[in-house]
Amino acid sequence: MLVNPGGPGGSGLGLVTLGKDVPNNVGQAYDWIGFDPRGVGLSRPALSCIPNYLSGPRPNYVPLNKDLENIWLMHSK
């Protein structure tokens, strides 16, 4: 069983102990795998963000017209 802590920023290494709490010893029949996602905790390589990444202007993701919207929709399928 792969366990993911969700996020943001939670460690998943300790979640491997969840198997012992599954009723009727069902959890013991599986390998439990936990990990630290997105560069948190003990994950390597460590995450390093670009300075000011969140403060810059964002692209406008609203289509300029109906034709462009239809093209985007076609490519998303």
PDB file of N, CA and C in Angstrom:
ATOM      1  N   MET A   1       0.847  -1.151   0.000  1.00  0.00           N
ATOM      2  CA  MET A   1       0.000   0.000   0.000  1.00  0.00           C
ATOM      3  C   MET A   1       0.902   1.226   0.000  1.00  0.00           C
ATOM      4  N   LEU A   2       0.676   2.092  -0.951  1.00  0.00           N
ATOM      5  CA  LEU A   2       1.415   3.350  -1.015  1.00  0.00           C
ATOM      6  C   LEU A   2       0.599   4.400  -0.280  1.00  0.00           C
ATOM      7  N   VAL A   3       1.176   4.986   0.750  1.00  0.00           N
ATOM      8  CA  VAL A   3       0.469   5.991   1.538  1.00  0.00           C
ATOM      9  C   VAL A   3       1.080   7.356   1.268  1.00  0.00           C
ATOM     10  N   ASN A   4       0.212   8.320   1.045  1.00  0.00           N
ATOM     11  CA  ASN A   4       0.637   9.679   0.721  1.00  0.00           C
ATOM     12  C   ASN A   4       0.004  10.611   1.748  1.00  0.00           C
ATOM     13  N   PRO A   5       0.798  11.476   2.380  1.00  0.00           N
ATOM     14  CA  PRO A   5       0.247  12.346   3.403  1.00  0.00           C
ATOM     15  C   PRO A   5      -0.611  13.473   2.857  1.00  0.00           C
ATOM     16  N   GLY A   6      -0.695  13.592   1.543  1.00  0.00           N
ATOM     17  CA  GLY A   6      -1.414  14.736   0.983  1.00  0.00           C
ATOM     18  C   GLY A   6      -0.504  15.945   1.012  1.00  0.00           C
ATOM     19  N   GLY A   7      -1.000  17.027   1.416  1.00  0.00           N
ATOM     20  CA  GLY A   7      -0.109  18.173   1.450  1.00  0.00           C
ATOM     21  C   GLY A   7      -0.852  19.430   1.823  1.00  0.00           C
ATOM     22  N   PRO A   8      -0.166  20.483   1.793  1.00  0.00           N
ATOM     23  CA  PRO A   8       1.249  20.575   1.420  1.00  0.00           C
ATOM     24  C   PRO A   8       2.178  20.374   2.618  1.00  0.00           C
ATOM     25  N   GLY A   9       3.322  19.840   2.328  1.00  0.00           N
ATOM     26  CA  GLY A   9       4.410  19.805   3.284  1.00  0.00           C
ATOM     27  C   GLY A   9       4.395  18.718   4.331  1.00  0.00           C
ATOM     28  N   GLY A  10       3.529  17.727   4.206  1.00  0.00           N
ATOM     29  CA  GLY A  10       3.480  16.676   5.216  1.00  0.00           C
ATOM     30  C   GLY A  10       4.412  15.529   4.903  1.00  0.00           C
ATOM     31  N   SER A  11       4.998  14.945   5.942  1.00  0.00           N
ATOM     32  CA  SER A  11       5.864  13.785   5.780  1.00  0.00           C
ATOM     33  C   SER A  11       5.019  12.521   5.741  1.00  0.00           C
ATOM     34  N   GLY A  12       5.393  11.592   4.879  1.00  0.00           N
ATOM     35  CA  GLY A  12       4.660  10.340   4.777  1.00  0.00           C
ATOM     36  C   GLY A  12       5.430   9.143   5.291  1.00  0.00           C
ATOM     37  N   LEU A  13       6.641   9.366   5.793  1.00  0.00           N
ATOM     38  CA  LEU A  13       7.446   8.235   6.242  1.00  0.00           C
ATOM     39  C   LEU A  13       6.809   7.511   7.420  1.00  0.00           C
ATOM     40  N   GLY A  14       6.208   8.237   8.330  1.00  0.00           N
ATOM     41  CA  GLY A  14       5.601   7.616   9.496  1.00  0.00           C
ATOM     42  C   GLY A  14       4.284   6.918   9.213  1.00  0.00           C
ATOM     43  N   LEU A  15       3.710   7.156   8.042  1.00  0.00           N
ATOM     44  CA  LEU A  15       2.414   6.557   7.726  1.00  0.00           C
ATOM     45  C   LEU A  15       2.487   5.058   7.469  1.00  0.00           C
ATOM     46  N   VAL A  16       3.693   4.513   7.330  1.00  0.00           N
ATOM     47  CA  VAL A  16       3.819   3.079   7.058  1.00  0.00           C
ATOM     48  C   VAL A  16       3.329   2.239   8.237  1.00  0.00           C
ATOM     49  N   THR A  17       3.179   2.837   9.396  1.00  0.00           N
ATOM     50  CA  THR A  17       2.689   2.090  10.559  1.00  0.00           C
ATOM     51  C   THR A  17       1.176   1.910  10.538  1.00  0.00           C
ATOM     52  N   LEU A  18       0.487   2.515   9.559  1.00  0.00           N
ATOM     53  CA  LEU A  18      -0.968   2.389   9.478  1.00  0.00           C
ATOM     54  C   LEU A  18      -1.424   0.945   9.303  1.00  0.00           C
ATOM     55  N   GLY A  19      -0.595   0.123   8.694  1.00  0.00           N
ATOM     56  CA  GLY A  19      -0.973  -1.259   8.434  1.00  0.00           C
ATOM     57  C   GLY A  19      -1.329  -2.035   9.679  1.00  0.00           C
ATOM     58  N   LYS A  20      -0.680  -1.722  10.786  1.00  0.00           N
ATOM     59  CA  LYS A  20      -0.957  -2.453  12.026  1.00  0.00           C
ATOM     60  C   LYS A  20      -2.341  -2.146  12.584  1.00  0.00           C
ATOM     61  N   ASP A  21      -2.945  -1.042  12.141  1.00  0.00           N
ATOM     62  CA  ASP A  21      -4.259  -0.650  12.646  1.00  0.00           C
ATOM     63  C   ASP A  21      -5.421  -1.134  11.782  1.00  0.00           C
ATOM     64  N   VAL A  22      -5.126  -1.797  10.676  1.00  0.00           N
ATOM     65  CA  VAL A  22      -6.193  -2.314   9.815  1.00  0.00           C
ATOM     66  C   VAL A  22      -6.780  -3.558  10.485  1.00  0.00           C
ATOM     67  N   PRO A  23      -8.106  -3.625  10.625  1.00  0.00           N
ATOM     68  CA  PRO A  23      -8.740  -4.745  11.346  1.00  0.00           C
ATOM     69  C   PRO A  23      -8.446  -6.114  10.736  1.00  0.00           C
ATOM     70  N   ASN A  24      -8.559  -7.118  11.573  1.00  0.00           N
ATOM     71  CA  ASN A  24      -8.440  -8.533  11.185  1.00  0.00           C
ATOM     72  C   ASN A  24      -7.088  -8.874  10.574  1.00  0.00           C
ATOM     73  N   ASN A  25      -6.064  -8.159  10.935  1.00  0.00           N
ATOM     74  CA  ASN A  25      -4.697  -8.390  10.451  1.00  0.00           C
ATOM     75  C   ASN A  25      -4.558  -8.277   8.935  1.00  0.00           C
ATOM     76  N   VAL A  26      -5.523  -7.672   8.272  1.00  0.00           N
ATOM     77  CA  VAL A  26      -5.450  -7.516   6.816  1.00  0.00           C
ATOM     78  C   VAL A  26      -4.236  -6.672   6.432  1.00  0.00           C
ATOM     79  N   GLY A  27      -3.941  -5.661   7.219  1.00  0.00           N
ATOM     80  CA  GLY A  27      -2.816  -4.781   6.909  1.00  0.00           C
ATOM     81  C   GLY A  27      -1.482  -5.495   6.878  1.00  0.00           C
ATOM     82  N   GLN A  28      -1.366  -6.602   7.608  1.00  0.00           N
ATOM     83  CA  GLN A  28      -0.109  -7.344   7.645  1.00  0.00           C
ATOM     84  C   GLN A  28       0.159  -8.095   6.350  1.00  0.00           C
ATOM     85  N   ALA A  29      -0.830  -8.237   5.506  1.00  0.00           N
ATOM     86  CA  ALA A  29      -0.664  -8.960   4.243  1.00  0.00           C
ATOM     87  C   ALA A  29      -0.032  -8.094   3.161  1.00  0.00           C
ATOM     88  N   TYR A  30       0.188  -6.825   3.461  1.00  0.00           N
ATOM     89  CA  TYR A  30       0.692  -5.892   2.455  1.00  0.00           C
ATOM     90  C   TYR A  30       1.982  -5.242   2.918  1.00  0.00           C
ATOM     91  N   ASP A  31       2.787  -4.851   1.943  1.00  0.00           N
ATOM     92  CA  ASP A  31       3.920  -3.974   2.223  1.00  0.00           C
ATOM     93  C   ASP A  31       3.388  -2.549   2.238  1.00  0.00           C
ATOM     94  N   TRP A  32       3.809  -1.754   3.199  1.00  0.00           N
ATOM     95  CA  TRP A  32       3.352  -0.371   3.327  1.00  0.00           C
ATOM     96  C   TRP A  32       4.520   0.541   2.994  1.00  0.00           C
ATOM     97  N   ILE A  33       4.306   1.433   2.050  1.00  0.00           N
ATOM     98  CA  ILE A  33       5.358   2.320   1.554  1.00  0.00           C
ATOM     99  C   ILE A  33       4.951   3.761   1.815  1.00  0.00           C
ATOM    100  N   GLY A  34       5.796   4.485   2.509  1.00  0.00           N
ATOM    101  CA  GLY A  34       5.571   5.909   2.747  1.00  0.00           C
ATOM    102  C   GLY A  34       6.727   6.705   2.174  1.00  0.00           C
ATOM    103  N   PHE A  35       6.481   7.946   1.880  1.00  0.00           N
ATOM    104  CA  PHE A  35       7.538   8.786   1.315  1.00  0.00           C
ATOM    105  C   PHE A  35       7.294  10.239   1.698  1.00  0.00           C
ATOM    106  N   ASP A  36       8.323  11.018   1.583  1.00  0.00           N
ATOM    107  CA  ASP A  36       8.226  12.457   1.802  1.00  0.00           C
ATOM    108  C   ASP A  36       8.116  13.132   0.438  1.00  0.00           C
ATOM    109  N   PRO A  37       6.936  13.627   0.071  1.00  0.00           N
ATOM    110  CA  PRO A  37       6.754  14.235  -1.249  1.00  0.00           C
ATOM    111  C   PRO A  37       7.232  15.676  -1.303  1.00  0.00           C
ATOM    112  N   ARG A  38       7.458  16.128  -2.500  1.00  0.00           N
ATOM    113  CA  ARG A  38       7.705  17.540  -2.791  1.00  0.00           C
ATOM    114  C   ARG A  38       8.854  18.147  -2.005  1.00  0.00           C
ATOM    115  N   GLY A  39       9.895  17.383  -1.783  1.00  0.00           N
ATOM    116  CA  GLY A  39      11.079  17.951  -1.163  1.00  0.00           C
ATOM    117  C   GLY A  39      10.968  18.228   0.319  1.00  0.00           C
ATOM    118  N   VAL A  40      10.032  17.618   1.015  1.00  0.00           N
ATOM    119  CA  VAL A  40       9.923  17.839   2.456  1.00  0.00           C
ATOM    120  C   VAL A  40      10.640  16.734   3.212  1.00  0.00           C
ATOM    121  N   GLY A  41      10.923  16.993   4.468  1.00  0.00           N
ATOM    122  CA  GLY A  41      11.496  15.970   5.336  1.00  0.00           C
ATOM    123  C   GLY A  41      12.794  15.401   4.817  1.00  0.00           C
ATOM    124  N   LEU A  42      12.815  14.078   4.653  1.00  0.00           N
ATOM    125  CA  LEU A  42      14.043  13.386   4.267  1.00  0.00           C
ATOM    126  C   LEU A  42      14.157  13.129   2.769  1.00  0.00           C
ATOM    127  N   SER A  43      13.274  13.679   1.967  1.00  0.00           N
ATOM    128  CA  SER A  43      13.355  13.433   0.521  1.00  0.00           C
ATOM    129  C   SER A  43      14.604  14.092  -0.057  1.00  0.00           C
ATOM    130  N   ARG A  44      15.153  13.455  -1.046  1.00  0.00           N
ATOM    131  CA  ARG A  44      16.346  13.964  -1.721  1.00  0.00           C
ATOM    132  C   ARG A  44      16.159  13.809  -3.220  1.00  0.00           C
ATOM    133  N   PRO A  45      16.594  14.718  -4.031  1.00  0.00           N
ATOM    134  CA  PRO A  45      17.287  15.942  -3.632  1.00  0.00           C
ATOM    135  C   PRO A  45      16.330  16.906  -2.943  1.00  0.00           C
ATOM    136  N   ALA A  46      16.896  17.738  -2.106  1.00  0.00           N
ATOM    137  CA  ALA A  46      16.086  18.720  -1.394  1.00  0.00           C
ATOM    138  C   ALA A  46      15.492  19.709  -2.393  1.00  0.00           C
ATOM    139  N   LEU A  47      14.322  20.175  -2.068  1.00  0.00           N
ATOM    140  CA  LEU A  47      13.632  21.119  -2.937  1.00  0.00           C
ATOM    141  C   LEU A  47      14.174  22.518  -2.717  1.00  0.00           C
ATOM    142  N   SER A  48      14.497  23.193  -3.793  1.00  0.00           N
ATOM    143  CA  SER A  48      14.861  24.604  -3.672  1.00  0.00           C
ATOM    144  C   SER A  48      14.050  25.379  -4.694  1.00  0.00           C
ATOM    145  N   CYS A  49      13.342  26.366  -4.197  1.00  0.00           N
ATOM    146  CA  CYS A  49      12.441  27.141  -5.042  1.00  0.00           C
ATOM    147  C   CYS A  49      13.142  28.360  -5.624  1.00  0.00           C
ATOM    148  N   ILE A  50      12.646  28.792  -6.753  1.00  0.00           N
ATOM    149  CA  ILE A  50      13.141  30.015  -7.371  1.00  0.00           C
ATOM    150  C   ILE A  50      12.684  31.189  -6.508  1.00  0.00           C
ATOM    151  N   PRO A  51      13.607  32.086  -6.139  1.00  0.00           N
ATOM    152  CA  PRO A  51      13.201  33.234  -5.325  1.00  0.00           C
ATOM    153  C   PRO A  51      12.091  34.028  -6.015  1.00  0.00           C
ATOM    154  N   ASN A  52      11.134  34.472  -5.243  1.00  0.00           N
ATOM    155  CA  ASN A  52      10.021  35.299  -5.717  1.00  0.00           C
ATOM    156  C   ASN A  52       9.133  34.598  -6.742  1.00  0.00           C
ATOM    157  N   TYR A  53       9.154  33.269  -6.785  1.00  0.00           N
ATOM    158  CA  TYR A  53       8.351  32.536  -7.762  1.00  0.00           C
ATOM    159  C   TYR A  53       6.865  32.856  -7.625  1.00  0.00           C
ATOM    160  N   LEU A  54       6.383  32.940  -6.406  1.00  0.00           N
ATOM    161  CA  LEU A  54       4.956  33.152  -6.188  1.00  0.00           C
ATOM    162  C   LEU A  54       4.535  34.609  -6.284  1.00  0.00           C
ATOM    163  N   SER A  55       5.476  35.530  -6.318  1.00  0.00           N
ATOM    164  CA  SER A  55       5.100  36.943  -6.317  1.00  0.00           C
ATOM    165  C   SER A  55       5.049  37.560  -7.715  1.00  0.00           C
ATOM    166  N   GLY A  56       5.491  36.847  -8.729  1.00  0.00           N
ATOM    167  CA  GLY A  56       5.515  37.408 -10.081  1.00  0.00           C
ATOM    168  C   GLY A  56       4.150  37.435 -10.738  1.00  0.00           C
ATOM    169  N   PRO A  57       4.024  38.142 -11.843  1.00  0.00           N
ATOM    170  CA  PRO A  57       2.745  38.160 -12.567  1.00  0.00           C
ATOM    171  C   PRO A  57       2.450  36.782 -13.166  1.00  0.00           C
ATOM    172  N   ARG A  58       1.203  36.429 -13.219  1.00  0.00           N
ATOM    173  CA  ARG A  58       0.775  35.137 -13.754  1.00  0.00           C
ATOM    174  C   ARG A  58       0.251  35.297 -15.177  1.00  0.00           C
ATOM    175  N   PRO A  59       0.466  34.274 -16.011  1.00  0.00           N
ATOM    176  CA  PRO A  59      -0.112  34.320 -17.356  1.00  0.00           C
ATOM    177  C   PRO A  59      -1.634  34.304 -17.278  1.00  0.00           C
ATOM    178  N   ASN A  60      -2.259  34.886 -18.250  1.00  0.00           N
ATOM    179  CA  ASN A  60      -3.712  34.881 -18.327  1.00  0.00           C
ATOM    180  C   ASN A  60      -4.140  33.597 -19.033  1.00  0.00           C
ATOM    181  N   TYR A  61      -4.809  32.719 -18.304  1.00  0.00           N
ATOM    182  CA  TYR A  61      -5.219  31.439 -18.868  1.00  0.00           C
ATOM    183  C   TYR A  61      -6.646  31.457 -19.396  1.00  0.00           C
ATOM    184  N   VAL A  62      -7.239  32.608 -19.494  1.00  0.00           N
ATOM    185  CA  VAL A  62      -8.576  32.728 -20.067  1.00  0.00           C
ATOM    186  C   VAL A  62      -8.420  32.875 -21.578  1.00  0.00           C
ATOM    187  N   PRO A  63      -9.051  32.011 -22.368  1.00  0.00           N
ATOM    188  CA  PRO A  63      -8.910  32.108 -23.822  1.00  0.00           C
ATOM    189  C   PRO A  63      -9.389  33.466 -24.331  1.00  0.00           C
ATOM    190  N   LEU A  64      -8.697  33.968 -25.332  1.00  0.00           N
ATOM    191  CA  LEU A  64      -9.020  35.285 -25.882  1.00  0.00           C
ATOM    192  C   LEU A  64     -10.311  35.279 -26.689  1.00  0.00           C
ATOM    193  N   ASN A  65     -10.668  34.104 -27.232  1.00  0.00           N
ATOM    194  CA  ASN A  65     -11.889  34.024 -28.029  1.00  0.00           C
ATOM    195  C   ASN A  65     -12.386  32.573 -28.043  1.00  0.00           C
ATOM    196  N   LYS A  66     -13.562  32.381 -28.610  1.00  0.00           N
ATOM    197  CA  LYS A  66     -14.190  31.054 -28.628  1.00  0.00           C
ATOM    198  C   LYS A  66     -13.394  30.053 -29.467  1.00  0.00           C
ATOM    199  N   ASP A  67     -12.795  30.504 -30.570  1.00  0.00           N
ATOM    200  CA  ASP A  67     -11.993  29.601 -31.403  1.00  0.00           C
ATOM    201  C   ASP A  67     -10.804  29.051 -30.620  1.00  0.00           C
ATOM    202  N   LEU A  68     -10.125  29.926 -29.902  1.00  0.00           N
ATOM    203  CA  LEU A  68      -8.980  29.492 -29.104  1.00  0.00           C
ATOM    204  C   LEU A  68      -9.425  28.547 -27.981  1.00  0.00           C
ATOM    205  N   GLU A  69     -10.557  28.836 -27.386  1.00  0.00           N
ATOM    206  CA  GLU A  69     -11.087  27.952 -26.346  1.00  0.00           C
ATOM    207  C   GLU A  69     -11.369  26.563 -26.915  1.00  0.00           C
ATOM    208  N   ASN A  70     -11.943  26.496 -28.096  1.00  0.00           N
ATOM    209  CA  ASN A  70     -12.224  25.202 -28.730  1.00  0.00           C
ATOM    210  C   ASN A  70     -10.949  24.438 -29.043  1.00  0.00           C
ATOM    211  N   ILE A  71      -9.911  25.137 -29.457  1.00  0.00           N
ATOM    212  CA  ILE A  71      -8.618  24.488 -29.724  1.00  0.00           C
ATOM    213  C   ILE A  71      -8.058  23.902 -28.432  1.00  0.00           C
ATOM    214  N   TRP A  72      -8.101  24.684 -27.360  1.00  0.00           N
ATOM    215  CA  TRP A  72      -7.600  24.194 -26.070  1.00  0.00           C
ATOM    216  C   TRP A  72      -8.400  22.982 -25.609  1.00  0.00           C
ATOM    217  N   LEU A  73      -9.706  23.029 -25.763  1.00  0.00           N
ATOM    218  CA  LEU A  73     -10.543  21.902 -25.367  1.00  0.00           C
ATOM    219  C   LEU A  73     -10.224  20.652 -26.180  1.00  0.00           C
ATOM    220  N   MET A  74      -9.989  20.828 -27.469  1.00  0.00           N
ATOM    221  CA  MET A  74      -9.668  19.700 -28.334  1.00  0.00           C
ATOM    222  C   MET A  74      -8.347  19.046 -27.894  1.00  0.00           C
ATOM    223  N   HIS A  75      -7.357  19.861 -27.530  1.00  0.00           N
ATOM    224  CA  HIS A  75      -6.056  19.327 -27.122  1.00  0.00           C
ATOM    225  C   HIS A  75      -6.084  18.716 -25.722  1.00  0.00           C
ATOM    226  N   SER A  76      -7.096  19.033 -24.939  1.00  0.00           N
ATOM    227  CA  SER A  76      -7.148  18.517 -23.569  1.00  0.00           C
ATOM    228  C   SER A  76      -7.803  17.146 -23.474  1.00  0.00           C
ATOM    229  N   LYS A  77      -8.313  16.626 -24.582  1.00  0.00           N
ATOM    230  CA  LYS A  77      -9.009  15.330 -24.552  1.00  0.00           C
ATOM    231  C   LYS A  77      -8.058  14.193 -24.808  1.00  0.00           C
TER     232      LYS A  77
END
